[in-house]
Amino acid sequence: MVWGRYEYFERISSTVDRAEIKVDRLAPDIKALQRQVDRLSLACQAMWELVRERTGLSEAQLEQKILEIDLRDGKADGKLSAPVLDCPSCGAKTNSHRSTCVMCGAAVPAPGNFAG
């Protein structure tokens, strides 16, 4: 199909309009996520300062622990991956996001908020 300039610019305009609608619709979610990130950053900074003051741990030790945790999934990618758990019933490996084992269906205990 061969389009004239008018049809071409109409399609572009329509695409831009749809993109703007999507951005407007997602803006509140993005703002909420930014507030959560800001709050978590503040909490992490406060916790680190308390730990450092009370234990004398260094910034280098913190960085080493961050890298150690990051590498638990085999990749230094700056992401915290879900830990792999052993099913208490059959011993199969299962994702910690699952509530039951995919192999035997047994309940898998939740790892907790700060499982490590």
PDB file of N, CA and C in Angstrom:
ATOM      1  N   MET A   1       0.843  -1.170   0.000  1.00  0.00           N
ATOM      2  CA  MET A   1       0.000   0.000   0.000  1.00  0.00           C
ATOM      3  C   MET A   1       0.888   1.232   0.000  1.00  0.00           C
ATOM      4  N   VAL A   2       0.581   2.179  -0.859  1.00  0.00           N
ATOM      5  CA  VAL A   2       1.336   3.413  -0.943  1.00  0.00           C
ATOM      6  C   VAL A   2       0.505   4.507  -0.294  1.00  0.00           C
ATOM      7  N   TRP A   3       1.124   5.181   0.640  1.00  0.00           N
ATOM      8  CA  TRP A   3       0.437   6.255   1.343  1.00  0.00           C
ATOM      9  C   TRP A   3       0.941   7.598   0.844  1.00  0.00           C
ATOM     10  N   GLY A   4       0.039   8.535   0.826  1.00  0.00           N
ATOM     11  CA  GLY A   4       0.430   9.908   0.531  1.00  0.00           C
ATOM     12  C   GLY A   4       0.964  10.548   1.804  1.00  0.00           C
ATOM     13  N   ARG A   5       1.488  11.737   1.663  1.00  0.00           N
ATOM     14  CA  ARG A   5       2.025  12.438   2.837  1.00  0.00           C
ATOM     15  C   ARG A   5       0.969  12.660   3.894  1.00  0.00           C
ATOM     16  N   TYR A   6      -0.222  13.011   3.487  1.00  0.00           N
ATOM     17  CA  TYR A   6      -1.285  13.290   4.447  1.00  0.00           C
ATOM     18  C   TYR A   6      -1.582  12.053   5.294  1.00  0.00           C
ATOM     19  N   GLU A   7      -1.734  10.904   4.652  1.00  0.00           N
ATOM     20  CA  GLU A   7      -2.023   9.670   5.384  1.00  0.00           C
ATOM     21  C   GLU A   7      -0.862   9.290   6.304  1.00  0.00           C
ATOM     22  N   TYR A   8       0.337   9.512   5.833  1.00  0.00           N
ATOM     23  CA  TYR A   8       1.514   9.203   6.624  1.00  0.00           C
ATOM     24  C   TYR A   8       1.539  10.048   7.903  1.00  0.00           C
ATOM     25  N   PHE A   9       1.321  11.345   7.759  1.00  0.00           N
ATOM     26  CA  PHE A   9       1.330  12.231   8.922  1.00  0.00           C
ATOM     27  C   PHE A   9       0.132  11.989   9.825  1.00  0.00           C
ATOM     28  N   GLU A  10      -0.983  11.570   9.281  1.00  0.00           N
ATOM     29  CA  GLU A  10      -2.153  11.220  10.097  1.00  0.00           C
ATOM     30  C   GLU A  10      -1.837   9.998  10.961  1.00  0.00           C
ATOM     31  N   ARG A  11      -1.177   9.015  10.391  1.00  0.00           N
ATOM     32  CA  ARG A  11      -0.785   7.825  11.172  1.00  0.00           C
ATOM     33  C   ARG A  11       0.190   8.180  12.273  1.00  0.00           C
ATOM     34  N   ILE A  12       1.146   9.016  11.944  1.00  0.00           N
ATOM     35  CA  ILE A  12       2.114   9.443  12.957  1.00  0.00           C
ATOM     36  C   ILE A  12       1.397  10.204  14.067  1.00  0.00           C
ATOM     37  N   SER A  13       0.522  11.089  13.703  1.00  0.00           N
ATOM     38  CA  SER A  13      -0.225  11.880  14.686  1.00  0.00           C
ATOM     39  C   SER A  13      -1.071  10.978  15.580  1.00  0.00           C
ATOM     40  N   SER A  14      -1.711  10.003  14.993  1.00  0.00           N
ATOM     41  CA  SER A  14      -2.520   9.062  15.751  1.00  0.00           C
ATOM     42  C   SER A  14      -1.658   8.252  16.723  1.00  0.00           C
ATOM     43  N   THR A  15      -0.495   7.827  16.267  1.00  0.00           N
ATOM     44  CA  THR A  15       0.423   7.071  17.122  1.00  0.00           C
ATOM     45  C   THR A  15       0.892   7.926  18.291  1.00  0.00           C
ATOM     46  N   VAL A  16       1.227   9.165  18.023  1.00  0.00           N
ATOM     47  CA  VAL A  16       1.650  10.088  19.079  1.00  0.00           C
ATOM     48  C   VAL A  16       0.521  10.308  20.077  1.00  0.00           C
ATOM     49  N   ASP A  17      -0.696  10.475  19.597  1.00  0.00           N
ATOM     50  CA  ASP A  17      -1.846  10.664  20.489  1.00  0.00           C
ATOM     51  C   ASP A  17      -2.033   9.463  21.413  1.00  0.00           C
ATOM     52  N   ARG A  18      -1.927   8.265  20.859  1.00  0.00           N
ATOM     53  CA  ARG A  18      -2.072   7.057  21.680  1.00  0.00           C
ATOM     54  C   ARG A  18      -0.963   6.958  22.720  1.00  0.00           C
ATOM     55  N   ALA A  19       0.250   7.316  22.323  1.00  0.00           N
ATOM     56  CA  ALA A  19       1.384   7.278  23.263  1.00  0.00           C
ATOM     57  C   ALA A  19       1.175   8.284  24.393  1.00  0.00           C
ATOM     58  N   GLU A  20       0.677   9.459  24.066  1.00  0.00           N
ATOM     59  CA  GLU A  20       0.422  10.473  25.095  1.00  0.00           C
ATOM     60  C   GLU A  20      -0.644   9.996  26.078  1.00  0.00           C
ATOM     61  N   ILE A  21      -1.654   9.333  25.585  1.00  0.00           N
ATOM     62  CA  ILE A  21      -2.711   8.798  26.459  1.00  0.00           C
ATOM     63  C   ILE A  21      -2.120   7.760  27.413  1.00  0.00           C
ATOM     64  N   LYS A  22      -1.266   6.887  26.889  1.00  0.00           N
ATOM     65  CA  LYS A  22      -0.641   5.867  27.732  1.00  0.00           C
ATOM     66  C   LYS A  22       0.241   6.506  28.802  1.00  0.00           C
ATOM     67  N   VAL A  23       1.016   7.502  28.423  1.00  0.00           N
ATOM     68  CA  VAL A  23       1.889   8.194  29.379  1.00  0.00           C
ATOM     69  C   VAL A  23       1.053   8.855  30.464  1.00  0.00           C
ATOM     70  N   ASP A  24      -0.016   9.538  30.069  1.00  0.00           N
ATOM     71  CA  ASP A  24      -0.893  10.193  31.047  1.00  0.00           C
ATOM     72  C   ASP A  24      -1.508   9.178  32.001  1.00  0.00           C
ATOM     73  N   ARG A  25      -1.874   8.019  31.477  1.00  0.00           N
ATOM     74  CA  ARG A  25      -2.491   6.980  32.298  1.00  0.00           C
ATOM     75  C   ARG A  25      -1.482   6.370  33.267  1.00  0.00           C
ATOM     76  N   LEU A  26      -0.213   6.280  32.874  1.00  0.00           N
ATOM     77  CA  LEU A  26       0.813   5.665  33.713  1.00  0.00           C
ATOM     78  C   LEU A  26       1.484   6.646  34.677  1.00  0.00           C
ATOM     79  N   ALA A  27       1.315   7.931  34.458  1.00  0.00           N
ATOM     80  CA  ALA A  27       1.984   8.937  35.281  1.00  0.00           C
ATOM     81  C   ALA A  27       1.726   8.769  36.777  1.00  0.00           C
ATOM     82  N   PRO A  28       0.476   8.540  37.233  1.00  0.00           N
ATOM     83  CA  PRO A  28       0.270   8.360  38.680  1.00  0.00           C
ATOM     84  C   PRO A  28       1.008   7.138  39.240  1.00  0.00           C
ATOM     85  N   ASP A  29       1.062   6.053  38.473  1.00  0.00           N
ATOM     86  CA  ASP A  29       1.788   4.860  38.917  1.00  0.00           C
ATOM     87  C   ASP A  29       3.278   5.153  39.047  1.00  0.00           C
ATOM     88  N   ILE A  30       3.814   5.888  38.093  1.00  0.00           N
ATOM     89  CA  ILE A  30       5.230   6.235  38.121  1.00  0.00           C
ATOM     90  C   ILE A  30       5.531   7.115  39.335  1.00  0.00           C
ATOM     91  N   LYS A  31       4.663   8.065  39.617  1.00  0.00           N
ATOM     92  CA  LYS A  31       4.856   8.930  40.790  1.00  0.00           C
ATOM     93  C   LYS A  31       4.790   8.122  42.082  1.00  0.00           C
ATOM     94  N   ALA A  32       3.860   7.171  42.157  1.00  0.00           N
ATOM     95  CA  ALA A  32       3.749   6.330  43.357  1.00  0.00           C
ATOM     96  C   ALA A  32       5.000   5.483  43.531  1.00  0.00           C
ATOM     97  N   LEU A  33       5.503   4.919  42.448  1.00  0.00           N
ATOM     98  CA  LEU A  33       6.731   4.129  42.519  1.00  0.00           C
ATOM     99  C   LEU A  33       7.917   4.987  42.937  1.00  0.00           C
ATOM    100  N   GLN A  34       7.986   6.205  42.432  1.00  0.00           N
ATOM    101  CA  GLN A  34       9.080   7.094  42.813  1.00  0.00           C
ATOM    102  C   GLN A  34       9.018   7.419  44.302  1.00  0.00           C
ATOM    103  N   ARG A  35       7.801   7.627  44.837  1.00  0.00           N
ATOM    104  CA  ARG A  35       7.662   7.874  46.277  1.00  0.00           C
ATOM    105  C   ARG A  35       8.140   6.663  47.078  1.00  0.00           C
ATOM    106  N   GLN A  36       7.805   5.458  46.597  1.00  0.00           N
ATOM    107  CA  GLN A  36       8.252   4.243  47.288  1.00  0.00           C
ATOM    108  C   GLN A  36       9.773   4.119  47.250  1.00  0.00           C
ATOM    109  N   VAL A  37      10.371   4.377  46.098  1.00  0.00           N
ATOM    110  CA  VAL A  37      11.826   4.306  45.967  1.00  0.00           C
ATOM    111  C   VAL A  37      12.478   5.326  46.890  1.00  0.00           C
ATOM    112  N   ASP A  38      11.938   6.538  46.919  1.00  0.00           N
ATOM    113  CA  ASP A  38      12.494   7.579  47.788  1.00  0.00           C
ATOM    114  C   ASP A  38      12.409   7.165  49.258  1.00  0.00           C
ATOM    115  N   ARG A  39      11.269   6.612  49.652  1.00  0.00           N
ATOM    116  CA  ARG A  39      11.070   6.186  51.038  1.00  0.00           C
ATOM    117  C   ARG A  39      12.018   5.028  51.389  1.00  0.00           C
ATOM    118  N   LEU A  40      12.153   4.057  50.494  1.00  0.00           N
ATOM    119  CA  LEU A  40      13.069   2.943  50.729  1.00  0.00           C
ATOM    120  C   LEU A  40      14.521   3.414  50.779  1.00  0.00           C
ATOM    121  N   SER A  41      14.874   4.349  49.935  1.00  0.00           N
ATOM    122  CA  SER A  41      16.236   4.896  49.950  1.00  0.00           C
ATOM    123  C   SER A  41      16.522   5.580  51.277  1.00  0.00           C
ATOM    124  N   LEU A  42      15.561   6.346  51.748  1.00  0.00           N
ATOM    125  CA  LEU A  42      15.702   7.019  53.038  1.00  0.00           C
ATOM    126  C   LEU A  42      15.850   5.999  54.166  1.00  0.00           C
ATOM    127  N   ALA A  43      15.018   4.950  54.153  1.00  0.00           N
ATOM    128  CA  ALA A  43      15.088   3.919  55.186  1.00  0.00           C
ATOM    129  C   ALA A  43      16.429   3.188  55.134  1.00  0.00           C
ATOM    130  N   CYS A  44      16.907   2.861  53.934  1.00  0.00           N
ATOM    131  CA  CYS A  44      18.201   2.180  53.801  1.00  0.00           C
ATOM    132  C   CYS A  44      19.337   3.059  54.328  1.00  0.00           C
ATOM    133  N   GLN A  45      19.299   4.340  54.006  1.00  0.00           N
ATOM    134  CA  GLN A  45      20.340   5.250  54.477  1.00  0.00           C
ATOM    135  C   GLN A  45      20.316   5.336  55.999  1.00  0.00           C
ATOM    136  N   ALA A  46      19.119   5.439  56.581  1.00  0.00           N
ATOM    137  CA  ALA A  46      19.000   5.508  58.037  1.00  0.00           C
ATOM    138  C   ALA A  46      19.522   4.223  58.686  1.00  0.00           C
ATOM    139  N   MET A  47      19.140   3.075  58.123  1.00  0.00           N
ATOM    140  CA  MET A  47      19.608   1.806  58.686  1.00  0.00           C
ATOM    141  C   MET A  47      21.123   1.698  58.584  1.00  0.00           C
ATOM    142  N   TRP A  48      21.694   2.071  57.438  1.00  0.00           N
ATOM    143  CA  TRP A  48      23.135   1.984  57.277  1.00  0.00           C
ATOM    144  C   TRP A  48      23.843   2.872  58.289  1.00  0.00           C
ATOM    145  N   GLU A  49      23.351   4.095  58.477  1.00  0.00           N
ATOM    146  CA  GLU A  49      24.005   4.995  59.422  1.00  0.00           C
ATOM    147  C   GLU A  49      23.922   4.459  60.848  1.00  0.00           C
ATOM    148  N   LEU A  50      22.793   3.877  61.219  1.00  0.00           N
ATOM    149  CA  LEU A  50      22.674   3.274  62.550  1.00  0.00           C
ATOM    150  C   LEU A  50      23.636   2.099  62.717  1.00  0.00           C
ATOM    151  N   VAL A  51      23.682   1.232  61.714  1.00  0.00           N
ATOM    152  CA  VAL A  51      24.578   0.068  61.772  1.00  0.00           C
ATOM    153  C   VAL A  51      26.029   0.526  61.839  1.00  0.00           C
ATOM    154  N   ARG A  52      26.403   1.457  60.996  1.00  0.00           N
ATOM    155  CA  ARG A  52      27.791   1.947  60.973  1.00  0.00           C
ATOM    156  C   ARG A  52      28.178   2.566  62.315  1.00  0.00           C
ATOM    157  N   GLU A  53      27.286   3.401  62.881  1.00  0.00           N
ATOM    158  CA  GLU A  53      27.566   4.051  64.162  1.00  0.00           C
ATOM    159  C   GLU A  53      27.712   3.034  65.295  1.00  0.00           C
ATOM    160  N   ARG A  54      26.899   2.002  65.292  1.00  0.00           N
ATOM    161  CA  ARG A  54      26.873   1.052  66.406  1.00  0.00           C
ATOM    162  C   ARG A  54      27.871  -0.096  66.267  1.00  0.00           C
ATOM    163  N   THR A  55      28.318  -0.365  65.038  1.00  0.00           N
ATOM    164  CA  THR A  55      29.202  -1.515  64.840  1.00  0.00           C
ATOM    165  C   THR A  55      30.590  -1.152  64.347  1.00  0.00           C
ATOM    166  N   GLY A  56      30.731   0.005  63.759  1.00  0.00           N
ATOM    167  CA  GLY A  56      32.020   0.389  63.198  1.00  0.00           C
ATOM    168  C   GLY A  56      32.304  -0.239  61.845  1.00  0.00           C
ATOM    169  N   LEU A  57      31.296  -0.848  61.225  1.00  0.00           N
ATOM    170  CA  LEU A  57      31.497  -1.412  59.889  1.00  0.00           C
ATOM    171  C   LEU A  57      31.833  -0.301  58.902  1.00  0.00           C
ATOM    172  N   SER A  58      32.590  -0.655  57.881  1.00  0.00           N
ATOM    173  CA  SER A  58      33.020   0.342  56.896  1.00  0.00           C
ATOM    174  C   SER A  58      32.152   0.302  55.645  1.00  0.00           C
ATOM    175  N   GLU A  59      32.277   1.351  54.874  1.00  0.00           N
ATOM    176  CA  GLU A  59      31.595   1.430  53.576  1.00  0.00           C
ATOM    177  C   GLU A  59      32.056   0.288  52.661  1.00  0.00           C
ATOM    178  N   ALA A  60      33.336  -0.044  52.725  1.00  0.00           N
ATOM    179  CA  ALA A  60      33.881  -1.139  51.904  1.00  0.00           C
ATOM    180  C   ALA A  60      33.237  -2.467  52.292  1.00  0.00           C
ATOM    181  N   GLN A  61      33.022  -2.692  53.576  1.00  0.00           N
ATOM    182  CA  GLN A  61      32.373  -3.928  54.013  1.00  0.00           C
ATOM    183  C   GLN A  61      30.931  -3.988  53.528  1.00  0.00           C
ATOM    184  N   LEU A  62      30.255  -2.862  53.543  1.00  0.00           N
ATOM    185  CA  LEU A  62      28.884  -2.798  53.031  1.00  0.00           C
ATOM    186  C   LEU A  62      28.872  -3.113  51.539  1.00  0.00           C
ATOM    187  N   GLU A  63      29.763  -2.489  50.790  1.00  0.00           N
ATOM    188  CA  GLU A  63      29.834  -2.733  49.345  1.00  0.00           C
ATOM    189  C   GLU A  63      30.136  -4.213  49.054  1.00  0.00           C
ATOM    190  N   GLN A  64      31.018  -4.813  49.848  1.00  0.00           N
ATOM    191  CA  GLN A  64      31.347  -6.236  49.663  1.00  0.00           C
ATOM    192  C   GLN A  64      30.119  -7.111  49.904  1.00  0.00           C
ATOM    193  N   LYS A  65      29.337  -6.799  50.931  1.00  0.00           N
ATOM    194  CA  LYS A  65      28.129  -7.573  51.243  1.00  0.00           C
ATOM    195  C   LYS A  65      27.093  -7.400  50.128  1.00  0.00           C
ATOM    196  N   ILE A  66      26.952  -6.176  49.612  1.00  0.00           N
ATOM    197  CA  ILE A  66      26.016  -5.929  48.505  1.00  0.00           C
ATOM    198  C   ILE A  66      26.398  -6.796  47.306  1.00  0.00           C
ATOM    199  N   LEU A  67      27.682  -6.830  46.974  1.00  0.00           N
ATOM    200  CA  LEU A  67      28.144  -7.639  45.845  1.00  0.00           C
ATOM    201  C   LEU A  67      27.908  -9.124  46.114  1.00  0.00           C
ATOM    202  N   GLU A  68      28.185  -9.572  47.329  1.00  0.00           N
ATOM    203  CA  GLU A  68      27.964 -10.975  47.686  1.00  0.00           C
ATOM    204  C   GLU A  68      26.498 -11.372  47.485  1.00  0.00           C
ATOM    205  N   ILE A  69      25.598 -10.533  47.945  1.00  0.00           N
ATOM    206  CA  ILE A  69      24.167 -10.819  47.800  1.00  0.00           C
ATOM    207  C   ILE A  69      23.759 -10.777  46.336  1.00  0.00           C
ATOM    208  N   ASP A  70      24.283  -9.798  45.606  1.00  0.00           N
ATOM    209  CA  ASP A  70      23.964  -9.673  44.180  1.00  0.00           C
ATOM    210  C   ASP A  70      24.397 -10.918  43.414  1.00  0.00           C
ATOM    211  N   LEU A  71      25.509 -11.504  43.783  1.00  0.00           N
ATOM    212  CA  LEU A  71      26.054 -12.657  43.059  1.00  0.00           C
ATOM    213  C   LEU A  71      25.398 -13.983  43.428  1.00  0.00           C
ATOM    214  N   ARG A  72      24.487 -13.999  44.383  1.00  0.00           N
ATOM    215  CA  ARG A  72      23.867 -15.263  44.795  1.00  0.00           C
ATOM    216  C   ARG A  72      23.133 -15.962  43.658  1.00  0.00           C
ATOM    217  N   ASP A  73      22.667 -15.189  42.689  1.00  0.00           N
ATOM    218  CA  ASP A  73      21.985 -15.805  41.550  1.00  0.00           C
ATOM    219  C   ASP A  73      22.944 -16.034  40.379  1.00  0.00           C
ATOM    220  N   GLY A  74      24.244 -15.777  40.607  1.00  0.00           N
ATOM    221  CA  GLY A  74      25.248 -16.012  39.578  1.00  0.00           C
ATOM    222  C   GLY A  74      25.498 -14.834  38.663  1.00  0.00           C
ATOM    223  N   LYS A  75      24.818 -13.707  38.889  1.00  0.00           N
ATOM    224  CA  LYS A  75      24.978 -12.537  38.023  1.00  0.00           C
ATOM    225  C   LYS A  75      25.142 -11.285  38.873  1.00  0.00           C
ATOM    226  N   ALA A  76      26.165 -10.483  38.552  1.00  0.00           N
ATOM    227  CA  ALA A  76      26.340  -9.178  39.191  1.00  0.00           C
ATOM    228  C   ALA A  76      25.558  -8.170  38.357  1.00  0.00           C
ATOM    229  N   ASP A  77      24.244  -8.089  38.607  1.00  0.00           N
ATOM    230  CA  ASP A  77      23.383  -7.232  37.789  1.00  0.00           C
ATOM    231  C   ASP A  77      22.649  -6.158  38.593  1.00  0.00           C
ATOM    232  N   GLY A  78      22.987  -6.024  39.870  1.00  0.00           N
ATOM    233  CA  GLY A  78      22.348  -5.005  40.688  1.00  0.00           C
ATOM    234  C   GLY A  78      20.910  -5.318  41.039  1.00  0.00           C
ATOM    235  N   LYS A  79      20.527  -6.590  40.928  1.00  0.00           N
ATOM    236  CA  LYS A  79      19.145  -6.979  41.210  1.00  0.00           C
ATOM    237  C   LYS A  79      19.121  -8.056  42.282  1.00  0.00           C
ATOM    238  N   LEU A  80      18.085  -8.015  43.104  1.00  0.00           N
ATOM    239  CA  LEU A  80      17.882  -9.034  44.117  1.00  0.00           C
ATOM    240  C   LEU A  80      16.899 -10.043  43.560  1.00  0.00           C
ATOM    241  N   SER A  81      17.383 -11.223  43.260  1.00  0.00           N
ATOM    242  CA  SER A  81      16.536 -12.266  42.684  1.00  0.00           C
ATOM    243  C   SER A  81      15.890 -13.088  43.788  1.00  0.00           C
ATOM    244  N   ALA A  82      14.776 -13.703  43.455  1.00  0.00           N
ATOM    245  CA  ALA A  82      14.078 -14.565  44.409  1.00  0.00           C
ATOM    246  C   ALA A  82      14.957 -15.767  44.728  1.00  0.00           C
ATOM    247  N   PRO A  83      15.110 -16.081  46.011  1.00  0.00           N
ATOM    248  CA  PRO A  83      15.923 -17.242  46.355  1.00  0.00           C
ATOM    249  C   PRO A  83      15.257 -18.552  45.943  1.00  0.00           C
ATOM    250  N   VAL A  84      16.074 -19.535  45.673  1.00  0.00           N
ATOM    251  CA  VAL A  84      15.584 -20.876  45.349  1.00  0.00           C
ATOM    252  C   VAL A  84      15.533 -21.659  46.661  1.00  0.00           C
ATOM    253  N   LEU A  85      14.414 -22.323  46.895  1.00  0.00           N
ATOM    254  CA  LEU A  85      14.224 -23.098  48.123  1.00  0.00           C
ATOM    255  C   LEU A  85      14.137 -24.576  47.806  1.00  0.00           C
ATOM    256  N   ASP A  86      14.428 -25.398  48.807  1.00  0.00           N
ATOM    257  CA  ASP A  86      14.242 -26.840  48.696  1.00  0.00           C
ATOM    258  C   ASP A  86      12.867 -27.181  49.259  1.00  0.00           C
ATOM    259  N   CYS A  87      12.096 -27.977  48.521  1.00  0.00           N
ATOM    260  CA  CYS A  87      10.796 -28.423  49.004  1.00  0.00           C
ATOM    261  C   CYS A  87      11.007 -29.269  50.250  1.00  0.00           C
ATOM    262  N   PRO A  88      10.285 -28.980  51.340  1.00  0.00           N
ATOM    263  CA  PRO A  88      10.461 -29.758  52.560  1.00  0.00           C
ATOM    264  C   PRO A  88       9.962 -31.208  52.418  1.00  0.00           C
ATOM    265  N   SER A  89       9.154 -31.472  51.403  1.00  0.00           N
ATOM    266  CA  SER A  89       8.592 -32.806  51.224  1.00  0.00           C
ATOM    267  C   SER A  89       9.447 -33.689  50.314  1.00  0.00           C
ATOM    268  N   CYS A  90       9.745 -33.178  49.104  1.00  0.00           N
ATOM    269  CA  CYS A  90      10.461 -34.017  48.136  1.00  0.00           C
ATOM    270  C   CYS A  90      11.893 -33.566  47.876  1.00  0.00           C
ATOM    271  N   GLY A  91      12.264 -32.375  48.359  1.00  0.00           N
ATOM    272  CA  GLY A  91      13.628 -31.888  48.179  1.00  0.00           C
ATOM    273  C   GLY A  91      13.893 -31.197  46.859  1.00  0.00           C
ATOM    274  N   ALA A  92      12.893 -31.114  45.985  1.00  0.00           N
ATOM    275  CA  ALA A  92      13.076 -30.457  44.689  1.00  0.00           C
ATOM    276  C   ALA A  92      13.303 -28.961  44.890  1.00  0.00           C
ATOM    277  N   LYS A  93      14.046 -28.358  43.982  1.00  0.00           N
ATOM    278  CA  LYS A  93      14.275 -26.920  44.010  1.00  0.00           C
ATOM    279  C   LYS A  93      13.015 -26.227  43.509  1.00  0.00           C
ATOM    280  N   THR A  94      12.635 -25.127  44.183  1.00  0.00           N
ATOM    281  CA  THR A  94      11.457 -24.377  43.768  1.00  0.00           C
ATOM    282  C   THR A  94      11.678 -22.898  44.000  1.00  0.00           C
ATOM    283  N   ASN A  95      11.029 -22.076  43.219  1.00  0.00           N
ATOM    284  CA  ASN A  95      11.101 -20.626  43.332  1.00  0.00           C
ATOM    285  C   ASN A  95      10.415 -20.192  44.615  1.00  0.00           C
ATOM    286  N   SER A  96      11.016 -19.259  45.330  1.00  0.00           N
ATOM    287  CA  SER A  96      10.449 -18.822  46.606  1.00  0.00           C
ATOM    288  C   SER A  96       9.162 -18.027  46.443  1.00  0.00           C
ATOM    289  N   HIS A  97       8.817 -17.647  45.218  1.00  0.00           N
ATOM    290  CA  HIS A  97       7.554 -16.940  44.990  1.00  0.00           C
ATOM    291  C   HIS A  97       6.367 -17.906  44.955  1.00  0.00           C
ATOM    292  N   ARG A  98       6.634 -19.183  44.873  1.00  0.00           N
ATOM    293  CA  ARG A  98       5.563 -20.184  44.812  1.00  0.00           C
ATOM    294  C   ARG A  98       5.179 -20.605  46.226  1.00  0.00           C
ATOM    295  N   SER A  99       3.911 -20.911  46.406  1.00  0.00           N
ATOM    296  CA  SER A  99       3.449 -21.377  47.715  1.00  0.00           C
ATOM    297  C   SER A  99       3.400 -22.905  47.783  1.00  0.00           C
ATOM    298  N   THR A 100       3.486 -23.551  46.618  1.00  0.00           N
ATOM    299  CA  THR A 100       3.498 -25.012  46.579  1.00  0.00           C
ATOM    300  C   THR A 100       4.603 -25.491  45.644  1.00  0.00           C
ATOM    301  N   CYS A 101       5.069 -26.684  45.894  1.00  0.00           N
ATOM    302  CA  CYS A 101       6.109 -27.302  45.072  1.00  0.00           C
ATOM    303  C   CYS A 101       5.506 -27.712  43.731  1.00  0.00           C
ATOM    304  N   VAL A 102       6.222 -27.431  42.641  1.00  0.00           N
ATOM    305  CA  VAL A 102       5.734 -27.809  41.316  1.00  0.00           C
ATOM    306  C   VAL A 102       5.864 -29.314  41.074  1.00  0.00           C
ATOM    307  N   MET A 103       6.699 -29.987  41.848  1.00  0.00           N
ATOM    308  CA  MET A 103       6.911 -31.410  41.647  1.00  0.00           C
ATOM    309  C   MET A 103       5.912 -32.269  42.418  1.00  0.00           C
ATOM    310  N   CYS A 104       5.684 -31.932  43.698  1.00  0.00           N
ATOM    311  CA  CYS A 104       4.838 -32.797  44.523  1.00  0.00           C
ATOM    312  C   CYS A 104       3.591 -32.097  45.070  1.00  0.00           C
ATOM    313  N   GLY A 105       3.514 -30.779  44.922  1.00  0.00           N
ATOM    314  CA  GLY A 105       2.343 -30.042  45.391  1.00  0.00           C
ATOM    315  C   GLY A 105       2.342 -29.706  46.865  1.00  0.00           C
ATOM    316  N   ALA A 106       3.384 -30.084  47.587  1.00  0.00           N
ATOM    317  CA  ALA A 106       3.451 -29.789  49.024  1.00  0.00           C
ATOM    318  C   ALA A 106       3.591 -28.286  49.247  1.00  0.00           C
ATOM    319  N   ALA A 107       3.094 -27.820  50.380  1.00  0.00           N
ATOM    320  CA  ALA A 107       3.223 -26.404  50.742  1.00  0.00           C
ATOM    321  C   ALA A 107       4.697 -26.075  50.971  1.00  0.00           C
ATOM    322  N   VAL A 108       5.126 -24.932  50.445  1.00  0.00           N
ATOM    323  CA  VAL A 108       6.500 -24.458  50.617  1.00  0.00           C
ATOM    324  C   VAL A 108       6.424 -23.236  51.525  1.00  0.00           C
ATOM    325  N   PRO A 109       7.106 -23.254  52.655  1.00  0.00           N
ATOM    326  CA  PRO A 109       7.042 -22.111  53.564  1.00  0.00           C
ATOM    327  C   PRO A 109       7.606 -20.859  52.932  1.00  0.00           C
ATOM    328  N   ALA A 110       6.966 -19.723  53.200  1.00  0.00           N
ATOM    329  CA  ALA A 110       7.456 -18.441  52.701  1.00  0.00           C
ATOM    330  C   ALA A 110       8.803 -18.140  53.341  1.00  0.00           C
ATOM    331  N   PRO A 111       9.752 -17.590  52.570  1.00  0.00           N
ATOM    332  CA  PRO A 111      11.086 -17.353  53.096  1.00  0.00           C
ATOM    333  C   PRO A 111      11.167 -16.176  54.060  1.00  0.00           C
ATOM    334  N   GLY A 112      10.148 -15.346  54.125  1.00  0.00           N
ATOM    335  CA  GLY A 112      10.209 -14.158  54.972  1.00  0.00           C
ATOM    336  C   GLY A 112      10.682 -12.961  54.186  1.00  0.00           C
ATOM    337  N   ASN A 113      10.584 -11.800  54.765  1.00  0.00           N
ATOM    338  CA  ASN A 113      10.951 -10.566  54.071  1.00  0.00           C
ATOM    339  C   ASN A 113      12.430 -10.430  53.805  1.00  0.00           C
ATOM    340  N   PHE A 114      13.248 -10.958  54.705  1.00  0.00           N
ATOM    341  CA  PHE A 114      14.689 -10.779  54.561  1.00  0.00           C
ATOM    342  C   PHE A 114      15.405 -12.116  54.564  1.00  0.00           C
ATOM    343  N   ALA A 115      14.891 -13.048  53.763  1.00  0.00           N
ATOM    344  CA  ALA A 115      15.534 -14.362  53.664  1.00  0.00           C
ATOM    345  C   ALA A 115      16.875 -14.210  52.974  1.00  0.00           C
ATOM    346  N   GLY A 116      17.820 -14.957  53.384  1.00  0.00           N
ATOM    347  CA  GLY A 116      19.120 -14.829  52.767  1.00  0.00           C
ATOM    348  C   GLY A 116      19.873 -16.073  52.694  1.00  0.00           C
TER     349      GLY A 116
END
